[in-house]
Amino acid sequence: MKITPVDIRQVIFRISFKGYDPREVHSFLISAAEELETVLKENTSLRVRVEEQDRVITELKKKESAVTDTLVAAQRAMEELRSASQKEGELVVREAESRAEEITRSAVRQVTQLQGELVNLRRQKELFIEKTRSLVQSFEKVLEWGGEKDA
């Protein structure tokens, strides 16, 4: 059974011989009722504050959850960006290596072609020198033959 301040104020005790002094009992009951009333008002005030704090805590938990979700999403996006950047970097490196190999092959072909042309030019030079020697020898013979005829 709940006792209220009004219940305390309205209680009446039977008076008996050599019982408690009615004024003291009444005074105590009034003090107890006032104290109980004060405690109940404080309790009500504290309940209101607790409810408000609960609302604030609930809102803060919602905000914390939103911040956590945002942080997780940002971390996920950062990982995806890092992964994409790494893949793109690897692709750039592969393309550069492929282009370097192509340039190297082209350079080797050109060197091989130039070496072939150089060998061909050396043969032509030797052939030209040989033909020139032959022609000079032929002219010498003609000159010798022409000199024998004049003599």
Protein backbone atom coordinates (compact mmCIF):
# COMPACT_ATOMS: atom_id res chain seq x y z
CA MET A 1 0.00 0.00 0.00
CA LYS A 2 1.31 3.44 -1.00
CA ILE A 3 1.26 6.17 1.61
CA THR A 4 0.83 9.74 0.43
CA PRO A 5 1.42 12.97 2.37
CA VAL A 6 -2.38 13.42 2.58
CA ASP A 7 -2.70 9.95 4.15
CA ILE A 8 -0.17 10.92 6.81
CA ARG A 9 -1.97 14.21 7.52
CA GLN A 10 -5.35 12.54 7.89
CA VAL A 11 -4.32 9.66 10.13
CA ILE A 12 -5.88 9.77 13.57
CA PHE A 13 -4.59 7.74 16.49
CA ARG A 14 -6.72 6.63 19.40
CA ILE A 15 -5.92 8.34 22.58
CA SER A 16 -5.24 6.06 25.47
CA PHE A 17 -4.17 6.59 28.97
CA LYS A 18 -0.45 7.14 29.10
CA GLY A 19 -0.26 7.16 25.32
CA TYR A 20 1.74 9.49 23.13
CA ASP A 21 1.23 13.24 23.34
CA PRO A 22 -1.25 14.04 20.57
CA ARG A 23 0.46 17.35 19.71
CA GLU A 24 3.85 15.69 19.29
CA VAL A 25 2.34 12.93 17.17
CA HIS A 26 0.45 15.47 15.09
CA SER A 27 3.56 17.65 14.72
CA PHE A 28 5.65 14.64 13.72
CA LEU A 29 3.04 13.50 11.19
CA ILE A 30 2.95 16.97 9.64
CA SER A 31 6.76 17.04 9.42
CA ALA A 32 6.79 13.52 7.96
CA ALA A 33 4.09 14.50 5.44
CA GLU A 34 6.02 17.62 4.41
CA GLU A 35 9.26 15.64 4.10
CA LEU A 36 7.48 12.93 2.08
CA GLU A 37 5.95 15.62 -0.12
CA THR A 38 9.40 17.13 -0.71
CA VAL A 39 10.85 13.70 -1.50
CA LEU A 40 7.99 12.92 -3.91
CA LYS A 41 8.47 16.28 -5.70
CA GLU A 42 12.20 15.61 -5.95
CA ASN A 43 11.46 12.11 -7.20
CA THR A 44 9.10 13.48 -9.86
CA SER A 45 11.67 16.09 -10.87
CA LEU A 46 14.39 13.44 -11.05
CA ARG A 47 12.15 11.19 -13.15
CA VAL A 48 11.58 14.04 -15.58
CA ARG A 49 15.33 14.65 -15.73
CA VAL A 50 16.01 10.93 -16.20
CA GLU A 51 13.48 10.78 -19.04
CA GLU A 52 15.09 13.84 -20.65
CA GLN A 53 18.54 12.31 -20.21
CA ASP A 54 17.24 9.07 -21.73
CA ARG A 55 15.98 11.06 -24.74
CA VAL A 56 19.35 12.81 -25.03
CA ILE A 57 21.19 9.48 -24.74
CA THR A 58 18.92 7.95 -27.39
CA GLU A 59 19.61 10.88 -29.73
CA LEU A 60 23.34 10.67 -29.05
CA LYS A 61 23.31 6.93 -29.72
CA LYS A 62 21.53 7.59 -33.03
CA LYS A 63 24.13 10.23 -33.91
CA GLU A 64 26.94 7.92 -32.82
CA SER A 65 25.49 5.19 -35.01
CA ALA A 66 25.27 7.60 -37.95
CA VAL A 67 28.86 8.74 -37.38
CA THR A 68 30.00 5.12 -37.11
CA ASP A 69 28.15 4.23 -40.32
CA THR A 70 29.67 7.23 -42.06
CA LEU A 71 33.14 6.29 -40.82
CA VAL A 72 32.72 2.69 -41.98
CA ALA A 73 31.47 3.90 -45.36
CA ALA A 74 34.42 6.31 -45.63
CA GLN A 75 36.86 3.54 -44.75
CA ARG A 76 35.23 1.25 -47.31
CA ALA A 77 35.41 4.00 -49.94
CA MET A 78 39.05 4.64 -49.06
CA GLU A 79 39.87 0.94 -49.43
CA GLU A 80 38.04 0.79 -52.76
CA LEU A 81 39.87 3.92 -53.93
CA ARG A 82 43.21 2.50 -52.79
CA SER A 83 42.46 -0.79 -54.56
CA ALA A 84 41.38 0.99 -57.74
CA SER A 85 44.49 3.19 -57.63
CA GLN A 86 46.70 0.17 -57.14
CA LYS A 87 45.04 -1.64 -60.06
CA GLU A 88 45.37 1.46 -62.23
CA GLY A 89 49.02 1.79 -61.24
CA GLU A 90 49.66 -1.85 -62.09
CA LEU A 91 47.93 -1.34 -65.45
CA VAL A 92 50.09 1.72 -66.18
CA VAL A 93 53.22 -0.25 -65.28
CA ARG A 94 52.16 -3.17 -67.52
CA GLU A 95 51.42 -0.79 -70.39
CA ALA A 96 54.78 0.93 -69.89
CA GLU A 97 56.58 -2.42 -69.80
CA SER A 98 54.73 -3.52 -72.95
CA ARG A 99 55.59 -0.25 -74.70
CA ALA A 100 59.22 -0.58 -73.58
CA GLU A 101 59.38 -4.13 -74.98
CA GLU A 102 57.85 -2.92 -78.25
CA ILE A 103 60.38 -0.07 -78.47
CA THR A 104 63.22 -2.49 -77.67
CA ARG A 105 62.05 -4.94 -80.37
CA SER A 106 61.78 -2.08 -82.86
CA ALA A 107 65.27 -0.86 -81.96
CA VAL A 108 66.68 -4.40 -82.31
CA ARG A 109 65.02 -4.69 -85.76
CA GLN A 110 66.49 -1.35 -86.81
CA VAL A 111 69.94 -2.32 -85.52
CA THR A 112 69.70 -5.65 -87.35
CA GLN A 113 68.56 -3.88 -90.53
CA LEU A 114 71.34 -1.29 -90.24
CA GLN A 115 73.92 -4.02 -89.63
CA GLY A 116 72.67 -5.79 -92.77
CA GLU A 117 72.88 -2.55 -94.73
CA LEU A 118 76.38 -1.96 -93.34
CA VAL A 119 77.48 -5.45 -94.43
CA ASN A 120 75.91 -4.82 -97.85
CA LEU A 121 77.67 -1.42 -98.15
CA ARG A 122 81.01 -2.99 -97.20
CA ARG A 123 80.53 -5.62 -99.91
CA GLN A 124 79.64 -2.93 -102.41
CA LYS A 125 82.71 -0.93 -101.32
CA GLU A 126 84.95 -3.98 -101.73
CA LEU A 127 83.33 -4.72 -105.09
CA PHE A 128 83.78 -1.08 -106.15
CA ILE A 129 87.43 -1.15 -105.04
CA GLU A 130 87.93 -4.42 -106.88
CA LYS A 131 86.30 -3.07 -110.09
CA THR A 132 88.29 0.14 -109.79
CA ARG A 133 91.54 -1.85 -109.44
CA SER A 134 90.56 -3.93 -112.42
CA LEU A 135 89.78 -0.82 -114.40
CA VAL A 136 93.07 0.78 -113.35
CA GLN A 137 94.94 -2.40 -114.30
CA SER A 138 93.11 -2.43 -117.62
CA PHE A 139 94.10 1.19 -118.23
CA GLU A 140 97.69 0.36 -117.31
CA LYS A 141 97.69 -2.51 -119.79
CA VAL A 142 96.17 -0.28 -122.45
CA LEU A 143 98.76 2.36 -121.69
CA GLU A 144 101.53 -0.21 -121.76
CA TRP A 145 100.23 -1.61 -125.00
CA GLY A 146 99.86 1.90 -126.43
CA GLY A 147 103.41 2.73 -125.33
CA GLU A 148 104.80 -0.39 -127.02
CA LYS A 149 103.09 0.56 -130.26
CA ASP A 150 104.59 4.03 -130.27
CA ALA A 151 108.04 2.90 -129.60
